[in-house]
Amino acid sequence: MSGTIRPDRRGDTPPPRTGAGETEVLRGFLDYLRTSIAAKVDGAPEPQVRTAVVLSGTNLLGLLNHLTFVERSMFLGHHVPDWEGTFRAAPTDSVADVVARYRETVERANHVLDGCTDLTAPVPRPRPGHPRPSVRWALTHMIEETGRHAGHADILRELIDGSAGR
């Protein structure tokens, strides 16, 4: 593409080099994506961080707020009565509040995962009456969910202030 100006991509972080075991690979990639999306939202300017710049209404802060609820549901057993509502942060929440809440939730989820040594075992969620997926399925789903929204966040952040890269 001649004439196209590409942003400096030196800020990209390469995929993780993890151990050889399946658990280390899955958790390494999940943590890589978690770090990427939190960094993409951290420091984003108000009010653009919560302003929808696409027709779906998706906004950068809402994506991270949503992922906080997904982590809580998947690994901590929280019930989420309104998934659609998770895509909006409260008007009183600052960017720093949402980022800190996400990082704290990830830390708690990792504490639960530290006790999961068998990928075929069900996730130890305290939600009676609800099916419990295997740890392998939960990790794979969270990689897919976080990766999908991290891609959205890349585009939204670039539209907001030109920031590119991981």
N, C-alpha and C. Protein backbone atom coordinates (compact mmCIF):
# COMPACT_ATOMS: atom_id res chain seq x y z
N MET A 1 0.84 -1.18 0.00
CA MET A 1 0.00 0.00 0.00
C MET A 1 0.88 1.24 0.00
N SER A 2 1.17 1.71 -1.14
CA SER A 2 2.00 2.89 -1.21
C SER A 2 1.21 4.11 -0.77
N GLY A 3 1.87 5.01 -0.10
CA GLY A 3 1.24 6.23 0.35
C GLY A 3 0.51 6.10 1.68
N THR A 4 0.37 4.87 2.20
CA THR A 4 -0.31 4.66 3.47
C THR A 4 0.68 4.86 4.60
N ILE A 5 0.30 5.66 5.54
CA ILE A 5 1.15 5.88 6.71
C ILE A 5 0.73 4.91 7.79
N ARG A 6 1.66 4.11 8.26
CA ARG A 6 1.37 3.14 9.32
C ARG A 6 1.89 3.69 10.63
N PRO A 7 1.10 3.56 11.68
CA PRO A 7 1.58 4.02 12.99
C PRO A 7 2.77 3.20 13.45
N ASP A 8 3.58 3.79 14.27
CA ASP A 8 4.73 3.09 14.84
C ASP A 8 4.22 1.94 15.70
N ARG A 9 4.61 0.71 15.39
CA ARG A 9 4.11 -0.46 16.09
C ARG A 9 5.12 -0.99 17.11
N ARG A 10 6.12 -0.20 17.47
CA ARG A 10 7.12 -0.67 18.42
C ARG A 10 6.53 -0.96 19.79
N GLY A 11 5.32 -0.45 20.08
CA GLY A 11 4.70 -0.68 21.36
C GLY A 11 4.07 -2.07 21.48
N ASP A 12 4.05 -2.84 20.39
CA ASP A 12 3.46 -4.17 20.44
C ASP A 12 4.26 -5.09 21.35
N THR A 13 3.52 -5.88 22.09
CA THR A 13 4.12 -6.89 22.95
C THR A 13 3.89 -8.24 22.28
N PRO A 14 4.92 -9.02 22.06
CA PRO A 14 4.72 -10.31 21.39
C PRO A 14 3.96 -11.29 22.29
N PRO A 15 3.37 -12.33 21.68
CA PRO A 15 2.69 -13.34 22.48
C PRO A 15 3.63 -13.93 23.53
N PRO A 16 3.06 -14.44 24.60
CA PRO A 16 3.89 -14.94 25.70
C PRO A 16 4.65 -16.21 25.35
N ARG A 17 5.78 -16.35 25.96
CA ARG A 17 6.54 -17.60 25.91
C ARG A 17 6.24 -18.29 27.23
N THR A 18 5.44 -19.34 27.15
CA THR A 18 5.00 -20.01 28.37
C THR A 18 5.67 -21.36 28.48
N GLY A 19 5.35 -22.06 29.54
CA GLY A 19 5.84 -23.42 29.71
C GLY A 19 5.23 -24.33 28.65
N ALA A 20 5.64 -25.57 28.65
CA ALA A 20 5.19 -26.51 27.63
C ALA A 20 3.85 -27.15 27.96
N GLY A 21 3.43 -27.06 29.22
CA GLY A 21 2.18 -27.71 29.61
C GLY A 21 0.96 -26.94 29.14
N GLU A 22 -0.14 -27.67 28.95
CA GLU A 22 -1.37 -27.06 28.47
C GLU A 22 -1.88 -25.97 29.41
N THR A 23 -1.83 -26.21 30.69
CA THR A 23 -2.30 -25.22 31.65
C THR A 23 -1.48 -23.94 31.55
N GLU A 24 -0.17 -24.06 31.47
CA GLU A 24 0.70 -22.88 31.37
C GLU A 24 0.44 -22.10 30.10
N VAL A 25 0.20 -22.81 29.01
CA VAL A 25 -0.07 -22.14 27.73
C VAL A 25 -1.40 -21.40 27.80
N LEU A 26 -2.44 -22.08 28.25
CA LEU A 26 -3.76 -21.45 28.33
C LEU A 26 -3.76 -20.25 29.27
N ARG A 27 -3.20 -20.42 30.44
CA ARG A 27 -3.19 -19.31 31.40
C ARG A 27 -2.26 -18.19 30.94
N GLY A 28 -1.16 -18.53 30.28
CA GLY A 28 -0.24 -17.52 29.77
C GLY A 28 -0.91 -16.64 28.72
N PHE A 29 -1.64 -17.26 27.79
CA PHE A 29 -2.32 -16.48 26.76
C PHE A 29 -3.47 -15.67 27.34
N LEU A 30 -4.19 -16.24 28.29
CA LEU A 30 -5.27 -15.48 28.91
C LEU A 30 -4.72 -14.26 29.65
N ASP A 31 -3.67 -14.44 30.40
CA ASP A 31 -3.09 -13.30 31.12
C ASP A 31 -2.53 -12.25 30.15
N TYR A 32 -1.96 -12.70 29.06
CA TYR A 32 -1.46 -11.79 28.02
C TYR A 32 -2.60 -10.91 27.49
N LEU A 33 -3.74 -11.52 27.18
CA LEU A 33 -4.89 -10.77 26.68
C LEU A 33 -5.49 -9.87 27.74
N ARG A 34 -5.55 -10.36 28.98
CA ARG A 34 -6.07 -9.54 30.08
C ARG A 34 -5.22 -8.28 30.25
N THR A 35 -3.92 -8.45 30.22
CA THR A 35 -3.01 -7.31 30.37
C THR A 35 -3.17 -6.34 29.21
N SER A 36 -3.31 -6.90 28.01
CA SER A 36 -3.44 -6.06 26.81
C SER A 36 -4.69 -5.18 26.86
N ILE A 37 -5.83 -5.76 27.21
CA ILE A 37 -7.06 -4.95 27.19
C ILE A 37 -7.08 -3.95 28.33
N ALA A 38 -6.56 -4.32 29.50
CA ALA A 38 -6.51 -3.36 30.61
C ALA A 38 -5.62 -2.18 30.23
N ALA A 39 -4.49 -2.45 29.59
CA ALA A 39 -3.58 -1.38 29.18
C ALA A 39 -4.22 -0.50 28.10
N LYS A 40 -5.04 -1.10 27.24
CA LYS A 40 -5.69 -0.35 26.17
C LYS A 40 -6.69 0.65 26.75
N VAL A 41 -7.36 0.29 27.84
CA VAL A 41 -8.36 1.16 28.46
C VAL A 41 -7.71 2.15 29.42
N ASP A 42 -6.69 1.71 30.13
CA ASP A 42 -6.02 2.54 31.13
C ASP A 42 -5.52 3.84 30.50
N GLY A 43 -5.93 4.96 31.07
CA GLY A 43 -5.47 6.26 30.58
C GLY A 43 -6.24 6.81 29.40
N ALA A 44 -7.27 6.10 28.95
CA ALA A 44 -8.08 6.61 27.84
C ALA A 44 -8.84 7.85 28.31
N PRO A 45 -9.00 8.83 27.44
CA PRO A 45 -9.60 10.10 27.85
C PRO A 45 -11.12 10.05 28.01
N GLU A 46 -11.58 10.81 28.99
CA GLU A 46 -13.02 11.05 29.18
C GLU A 46 -13.42 12.22 28.29
N PRO A 47 -14.59 12.30 27.79
CA PRO A 47 -15.68 11.33 27.85
C PRO A 47 -15.61 10.31 26.72
N GLN A 48 -14.60 10.40 25.86
CA GLN A 48 -14.52 9.51 24.70
C GLN A 48 -14.48 8.03 25.08
N VAL A 49 -13.91 7.71 26.23
CA VAL A 49 -13.77 6.32 26.65
C VAL A 49 -15.13 5.65 26.83
N ARG A 50 -16.17 6.43 27.07
CA ARG A 50 -17.51 5.85 27.25
C ARG A 50 -18.47 6.26 26.13
N THR A 51 -17.96 6.92 25.12
CA THR A 51 -18.77 7.35 24.00
C THR A 51 -18.74 6.28 22.91
N ALA A 52 -19.91 5.92 22.42
CA ALA A 52 -20.00 4.94 21.34
C ALA A 52 -19.56 5.58 20.03
N VAL A 53 -18.61 4.98 19.36
CA VAL A 53 -18.15 5.49 18.07
C VAL A 53 -18.51 4.51 16.94
N VAL A 54 -19.27 3.48 17.28
CA VAL A 54 -19.77 2.52 16.29
C VAL A 54 -21.27 2.36 16.50
N LEU A 55 -21.97 1.93 15.48
CA LEU A 55 -23.43 1.85 15.52
C LEU A 55 -23.96 0.92 16.61
N SER A 56 -23.20 -0.11 16.98
CA SER A 56 -23.67 -1.05 17.99
C SER A 56 -23.76 -0.42 19.38
N GLY A 57 -23.14 0.73 19.56
CA GLY A 57 -23.13 1.38 20.87
C GLY A 57 -21.97 0.97 21.75
N THR A 58 -21.12 0.10 21.24
CA THR A 58 -19.97 -0.37 22.01
C THR A 58 -19.03 0.78 22.33
N ASN A 59 -18.56 0.81 23.56
CA ASN A 59 -17.57 1.82 23.94
C ASN A 59 -16.44 1.15 24.71
N LEU A 60 -15.32 1.81 24.75
CA LEU A 60 -14.10 1.23 25.31
C LEU A 60 -14.25 0.86 26.79
N LEU A 61 -14.79 1.76 27.58
CA LEU A 61 -14.92 1.49 29.01
C LEU A 61 -15.93 0.37 29.26
N GLY A 62 -16.99 0.34 28.47
CA GLY A 62 -17.99 -0.72 28.60
C GLY A 62 -17.43 -2.10 28.32
N LEU A 63 -16.50 -2.20 27.37
CA LEU A 63 -15.89 -3.50 27.08
C LEU A 63 -15.17 -4.07 28.30
N LEU A 64 -14.40 -3.23 28.97
CA LEU A 64 -13.66 -3.71 30.13
C LEU A 64 -14.61 -4.00 31.29
N ASN A 65 -15.63 -3.18 31.43
CA ASN A 65 -16.64 -3.43 32.46
C ASN A 65 -17.30 -4.80 32.21
N HIS A 66 -17.66 -5.08 30.96
CA HIS A 66 -18.26 -6.36 30.59
C HIS A 66 -17.33 -7.53 30.94
N LEU A 67 -16.07 -7.41 30.57
CA LEU A 67 -15.13 -8.50 30.85
C LEU A 67 -14.97 -8.75 32.34
N THR A 68 -15.11 -7.71 33.15
CA THR A 68 -15.07 -7.89 34.60
C THR A 68 -16.20 -8.81 35.04
N PHE A 69 -17.39 -8.59 34.50
CA PHE A 69 -18.54 -9.43 34.84
C PHE A 69 -18.37 -10.85 34.31
N VAL A 70 -17.79 -11.01 33.12
CA VAL A 70 -17.57 -12.35 32.57
C VAL A 70 -16.61 -13.13 33.47
N GLU A 71 -15.51 -12.50 33.87
CA GLU A 71 -14.54 -13.15 34.77
C GLU A 71 -15.22 -13.55 36.09
N ARG A 72 -16.00 -12.64 36.64
CA ARG A 72 -16.68 -12.92 37.91
C ARG A 72 -17.64 -14.10 37.76
N SER A 73 -18.37 -14.12 36.68
CA SER A 73 -19.33 -15.20 36.45
C SER A 73 -18.61 -16.53 36.25
N MET A 74 -17.61 -16.54 35.39
CA MET A 74 -16.94 -17.78 35.02
C MET A 74 -16.13 -18.38 36.16
N PHE A 75 -15.37 -17.55 36.85
CA PHE A 75 -14.42 -18.09 37.83
C PHE A 75 -14.81 -17.86 39.28
N LEU A 76 -15.68 -16.89 39.54
CA LEU A 76 -16.03 -16.57 40.93
C LEU A 76 -17.47 -16.93 41.28
N GLY A 77 -18.24 -17.39 40.29
CA GLY A 77 -19.59 -17.86 40.54
C GLY A 77 -20.64 -16.79 40.69
N HIS A 78 -20.36 -15.56 40.28
CA HIS A 78 -21.35 -14.48 40.42
C HIS A 78 -22.48 -14.64 39.40
N HIS A 79 -23.67 -14.33 39.82
CA HIS A 79 -24.84 -14.32 38.94
C HIS A 79 -24.93 -12.95 38.27
N VAL A 80 -25.14 -12.94 36.97
CA VAL A 80 -25.29 -11.68 36.23
C VAL A 80 -26.69 -11.65 35.63
N PRO A 81 -27.58 -10.85 36.20
CA PRO A 81 -28.97 -10.84 35.73
C PRO A 81 -29.18 -10.08 34.41
N ASP A 82 -28.27 -9.18 34.05
CA ASP A 82 -28.46 -8.34 32.85
C ASP A 82 -27.14 -8.22 32.10
N TRP A 83 -26.88 -9.18 31.22
CA TRP A 83 -25.61 -9.16 30.48
C TRP A 83 -25.48 -7.92 29.62
N GLU A 84 -26.57 -7.50 29.00
CA GLU A 84 -26.52 -6.30 28.14
C GLU A 84 -26.06 -5.08 28.94
N GLY A 85 -26.53 -4.99 30.17
CA GLY A 85 -26.17 -3.86 31.03
C GLY A 85 -24.71 -3.83 31.42
N THR A 86 -24.02 -4.97 31.31
CA THR A 86 -22.60 -5.00 31.69
C THR A 86 -21.72 -4.25 30.70
N PHE A 87 -22.26 -3.92 29.54
CA PHE A 87 -21.48 -3.19 28.52
C PHE A 87 -21.45 -1.68 28.77
N ARG A 88 -22.00 -1.26 29.91
CA ARG A 88 -21.97 0.16 30.27
C ARG A 88 -21.42 0.30 31.68
N ALA A 89 -20.43 1.15 31.84
CA ALA A 89 -19.92 1.46 33.18
C ALA A 89 -20.83 2.52 33.79
N ALA A 90 -20.91 2.51 35.10
CA ALA A 90 -21.71 3.52 35.80
C ALA A 90 -21.14 4.91 35.52
N PRO A 91 -22.00 5.92 35.40
CA PRO A 91 -21.53 7.28 35.13
C PRO A 91 -20.54 7.79 36.18
N THR A 92 -20.64 7.27 37.39
CA THR A 92 -19.75 7.71 38.47
C THR A 92 -18.41 6.98 38.47
N ASP A 93 -18.28 5.93 37.66
CA ASP A 93 -17.02 5.18 37.57
C ASP A 93 -16.02 5.91 36.69
N SER A 94 -14.85 6.12 37.21
CA SER A 94 -13.77 6.69 36.39
C SER A 94 -13.08 5.55 35.62
N VAL A 95 -12.26 5.92 34.67
CA VAL A 95 -11.46 4.92 33.96
C VAL A 95 -10.62 4.14 34.96
N ALA A 96 -9.99 4.84 35.88
CA ALA A 96 -9.14 4.17 36.89
C ALA A 96 -9.96 3.20 37.73
N ASP A 97 -11.22 3.55 38.06
CA ASP A 97 -12.07 2.66 38.85
C ASP A 97 -12.33 1.35 38.10
N VAL A 98 -12.70 1.46 36.83
CA VAL A 98 -13.05 0.27 36.05
C VAL A 98 -11.80 -0.59 35.82
N VAL A 99 -10.68 0.03 35.52
CA VAL A 99 -9.43 -0.72 35.31
C VAL A 99 -9.03 -1.43 36.61
N ALA A 100 -9.10 -0.73 37.73
CA ALA A 100 -8.72 -1.33 39.02
C ALA A 100 -9.66 -2.49 39.37
N ARG A 101 -10.95 -2.33 39.13
CA ARG A 101 -11.92 -3.40 39.42
C ARG A 101 -11.64 -4.62 38.55
N TYR A 102 -11.31 -4.39 37.28
CA TYR A 102 -10.97 -5.51 36.39
C TYR A 102 -9.72 -6.23 36.88
N ARG A 103 -8.69 -5.48 37.17
CA ARG A 103 -7.44 -6.11 37.62
C ARG A 103 -7.62 -6.87 38.94
N GLU A 104 -8.43 -6.33 39.84
CA GLU A 104 -8.70 -7.01 41.11
C GLU A 104 -9.49 -8.30 40.86
N THR A 105 -10.45 -8.26 39.95
CA THR A 105 -11.22 -9.44 39.60
C THR A 105 -10.33 -10.50 38.97
N VAL A 106 -9.44 -10.09 38.08
CA VAL A 106 -8.49 -11.03 37.47
C VAL A 106 -7.61 -11.67 38.54
N GLU A 107 -7.16 -10.90 39.48
CA GLU A 107 -6.34 -11.44 40.57
C GLU A 107 -7.11 -12.50 41.36
N ARG A 108 -8.36 -12.20 41.67
CA ARG A 108 -9.20 -13.17 42.40
C ARG A 108 -9.45 -14.41 41.55
N ALA A 109 -9.70 -14.23 40.26
CA ALA A 109 -9.92 -15.37 39.37
C ALA A 109 -8.66 -16.22 39.28
N ASN A 110 -7.51 -15.59 39.20
CA ASN A 110 -6.26 -16.34 39.15
C ASN A 110 -6.02 -17.13 40.43
N HIS A 111 -6.45 -16.57 41.55
CA HIS A 111 -6.33 -17.30 42.83
C HIS A 111 -7.16 -18.59 42.77
N VAL A 112 -8.36 -18.50 42.21
CA VAL A 112 -9.19 -19.69 42.05
C VAL A 112 -8.51 -20.67 41.10
N LEU A 113 -8.00 -20.16 39.98
CA LEU A 113 -7.36 -21.03 39.00
C LEU A 113 -6.09 -21.67 39.53
N ASP A 114 -5.42 -21.02 40.45
CA ASP A 114 -4.21 -21.62 41.05
C ASP A 114 -4.53 -22.95 41.73
N GLY A 115 -5.75 -23.11 42.20
CA GLY A 115 -6.14 -24.35 42.85
C GLY A 115 -6.68 -25.40 41.89
N CYS A 116 -6.75 -25.08 40.61
CA CYS A 116 -7.28 -26.01 39.60
C CYS A 116 -6.14 -26.74 38.91
N THR A 117 -5.89 -27.96 39.31
CA THR A 117 -4.77 -28.71 38.75
C THR A 117 -5.20 -29.67 37.64
N ASP A 118 -6.48 -29.92 37.51
CA ASP A 118 -7.00 -30.86 36.51
C ASP A 118 -7.88 -30.09 35.54
N LEU A 119 -7.44 -29.99 34.28
CA LEU A 119 -8.19 -29.24 33.28
C LEU A 119 -9.54 -29.87 32.94
N THR A 120 -9.70 -31.14 33.24
CA THR A 120 -10.98 -31.80 32.95
C THR A 120 -11.99 -31.64 34.08
N ALA A 121 -11.54 -31.18 35.23
CA ALA A 121 -12.44 -30.98 36.37
C ALA A 121 -13.31 -29.77 36.15
N PRO A 122 -14.48 -29.74 36.76
CA PRO A 122 -15.33 -28.55 36.62
C PRO A 122 -14.74 -27.35 37.35
N VAL A 123 -15.04 -26.17 36.83
CA VAL A 123 -14.62 -24.93 37.48
C VAL A 123 -15.29 -24.89 38.86
N PRO A 124 -14.55 -24.57 39.91
CA PRO A 124 -15.13 -24.57 41.26
C PRO A 124 -15.96 -23.33 41.57
N ARG A 125 -17.09 -23.19 40.88
CA ARG A 125 -17.95 -22.03 41.08
C ARG A 125 -19.03 -22.36 42.10
N PRO A 126 -19.25 -21.49 43.06
CA PRO A 126 -20.29 -21.74 44.06
C PRO A 126 -21.68 -21.31 43.61
N ARG A 127 -22.19 -21.89 42.50
CA ARG A 127 -23.53 -21.55 42.00
C ARG A 127 -24.35 -22.82 41.87
N PRO A 128 -25.01 -23.23 42.94
CA PRO A 128 -25.82 -24.46 42.90
C PRO A 128 -26.86 -24.40 41.79
N GLY A 129 -27.05 -25.53 41.14
CA GLY A 129 -28.07 -25.62 40.11
C GLY A 129 -27.64 -25.15 38.74
N HIS A 130 -26.42 -24.69 38.59
CA HIS A 130 -25.93 -24.23 37.28
C HIS A 130 -24.85 -25.20 36.80
N PRO A 131 -24.84 -25.50 35.50
CA PRO A 131 -23.80 -26.40 34.99
C PRO A 131 -22.42 -25.76 35.15
N ARG A 132 -21.44 -26.59 35.45
CA ARG A 132 -20.08 -26.09 35.61
C ARG A 132 -19.22 -26.64 34.46
N PRO A 133 -18.70 -25.76 33.63
CA PRO A 133 -17.83 -26.24 32.55
C PRO A 133 -16.50 -26.72 33.11
N SER A 134 -15.78 -27.45 32.29
CA SER A 134 -14.44 -27.87 32.71
C SER A 134 -13.52 -26.65 32.77
N VAL A 135 -12.46 -26.77 33.51
CA VAL A 135 -11.47 -25.70 33.61
C VAL A 135 -10.90 -25.41 32.21
N ARG A 136 -10.65 -26.46 31.43
CA ARG A 136 -10.13 -26.28 30.06
C ARG A 136 -11.10 -25.44 29.23
N TRP A 137 -12.39 -25.78 29.27
CA TRP A 137 -13.39 -25.04 28.51
C TRP A 137 -13.45 -23.59 28.99
N ALA A 138 -13.45 -23.39 30.30
CA ALA A 138 -13.54 -22.03 30.85
C ALA A 138 -12.35 -21.18 30.42
N LEU A 139 -11.16 -21.74 30.48
CA LEU A 139 -9.96 -21.00 30.05
C LEU A 139 -10.02 -20.68 28.56
N THR A 140 -10.41 -21.67 27.76
CA THR A 140 -10.51 -21.46 26.31
C THR A 140 -11.56 -20.40 25.99
N HIS A 141 -12.70 -20.48 26.65
CA HIS A 141 -13.75 -19.49 26.43
C HIS A 141 -13.27 -18.09 26.82
N MET A 142 -12.58 -17.98 27.93
CA MET A 142 -12.10 -16.66 28.38
C MET A 142 -11.03 -16.11 27.44
N ILE A 143 -10.21 -16.97 26.85
CA ILE A 143 -9.25 -16.52 25.84
C ILE A 143 -10.01 -15.97 24.64
N GLU A 144 -11.03 -16.69 24.19
CA GLU A 144 -11.83 -16.25 23.04
C GLU A 144 -12.56 -14.94 23.37
N GLU A 145 -13.21 -14.88 24.50
CA GLU A 145 -13.99 -13.69 24.89
C GLU A 145 -13.08 -12.47 25.07
N THR A 146 -11.99 -12.66 25.78
CA THR A 146 -11.07 -11.54 26.03
C THR A 146 -10.38 -11.11 24.75
N GLY A 147 -9.97 -12.07 23.93
CA GLY A 147 -9.32 -11.75 22.66
C GLY A 147 -10.24 -10.99 21.72
N ARG A 148 -11.49 -11.42 21.65
CA ARG A 148 -12.47 -10.75 20.79
C ARG A 148 -12.64 -9.29 21.22
N HIS A 149 -12.82 -9.08 22.52
CA HIS A 149 -13.03 -7.72 22.99
C HIS A 149 -11.74 -6.90 23.00
N ALA A 150 -10.60 -7.55 23.14
CA ALA A 150 -9.33 -6.82 23.03
C ALA A 150 -9.17 -6.28 21.61
N GLY A 151 -9.60 -7.05 20.62
CA GLY A 151 -9.57 -6.57 19.24
C GLY A 151 -10.49 -5.37 19.04
N HIS A 152 -11.68 -5.47 19.63
CA HIS A 152 -12.59 -4.31 19.57
C HIS A 152 -11.93 -3.10 20.22
N ALA A 153 -11.32 -3.32 21.39
CA ALA A 153 -10.69 -2.23 22.14
C ALA A 153 -9.56 -1.58 21.34
N ASP A 154 -8.79 -2.40 20.61
CA ASP A 154 -7.72 -1.84 19.77
C ASP A 154 -8.28 -0.82 18.79
N ILE A 155 -9.36 -1.19 18.14
CA ILE A 155 -9.95 -0.31 17.13
C ILE A 155 -10.56 0.93 17.79
N LEU A 156 -11.31 0.72 18.87
CA LEU A 156 -11.95 1.86 19.53
C LEU A 156 -10.93 2.86 20.06
N ARG A 157 -9.85 2.35 20.67
CA ARG A 157 -8.83 3.27 21.21
C ARG A 157 -8.16 4.04 20.08
N GLU A 158 -7.90 3.38 18.98
CA GLU A 158 -7.28 4.09 17.85
C GLU A 158 -8.22 5.17 17.31
N LEU A 159 -9.52 4.89 17.27
CA LEU A 159 -10.49 5.90 16.83
C LEU A 159 -10.57 7.08 17.80
N ILE A 160 -10.37 6.81 19.09
CA ILE A 160 -10.47 7.85 20.11
C ILE A 160 -9.28 8.80 20.05
N ASP A 161 -8.05 8.25 20.09
CA ASP A 161 -6.90 9.15 20.19
C ASP A 161 -5.68 8.71 19.38
N GLY A 162 -5.88 7.74 18.48
CA GLY A 162 -4.79 7.32 17.62
C GLY A 162 -3.83 6.32 18.25
N SER A 163 -4.05 5.97 19.51
CA SER A 163 -3.17 5.00 20.18
C SER A 163 -3.31 3.64 19.51
N ALA A 164 -2.18 3.06 19.14
CA ALA A 164 -2.18 1.75 18.48
C ALA A 164 -1.13 0.86 19.12
N GLY A 165 -1.28 -0.42 18.92
CA GLY A 165 -0.34 -1.40 19.46
C GLY A 165 -0.83 -1.94 20.79
N ARG A 166 -0.16 -3.02 21.23
CA ARG A 166 -0.55 -3.65 22.51
C ARG A 166 0.25 -3.09 23.62
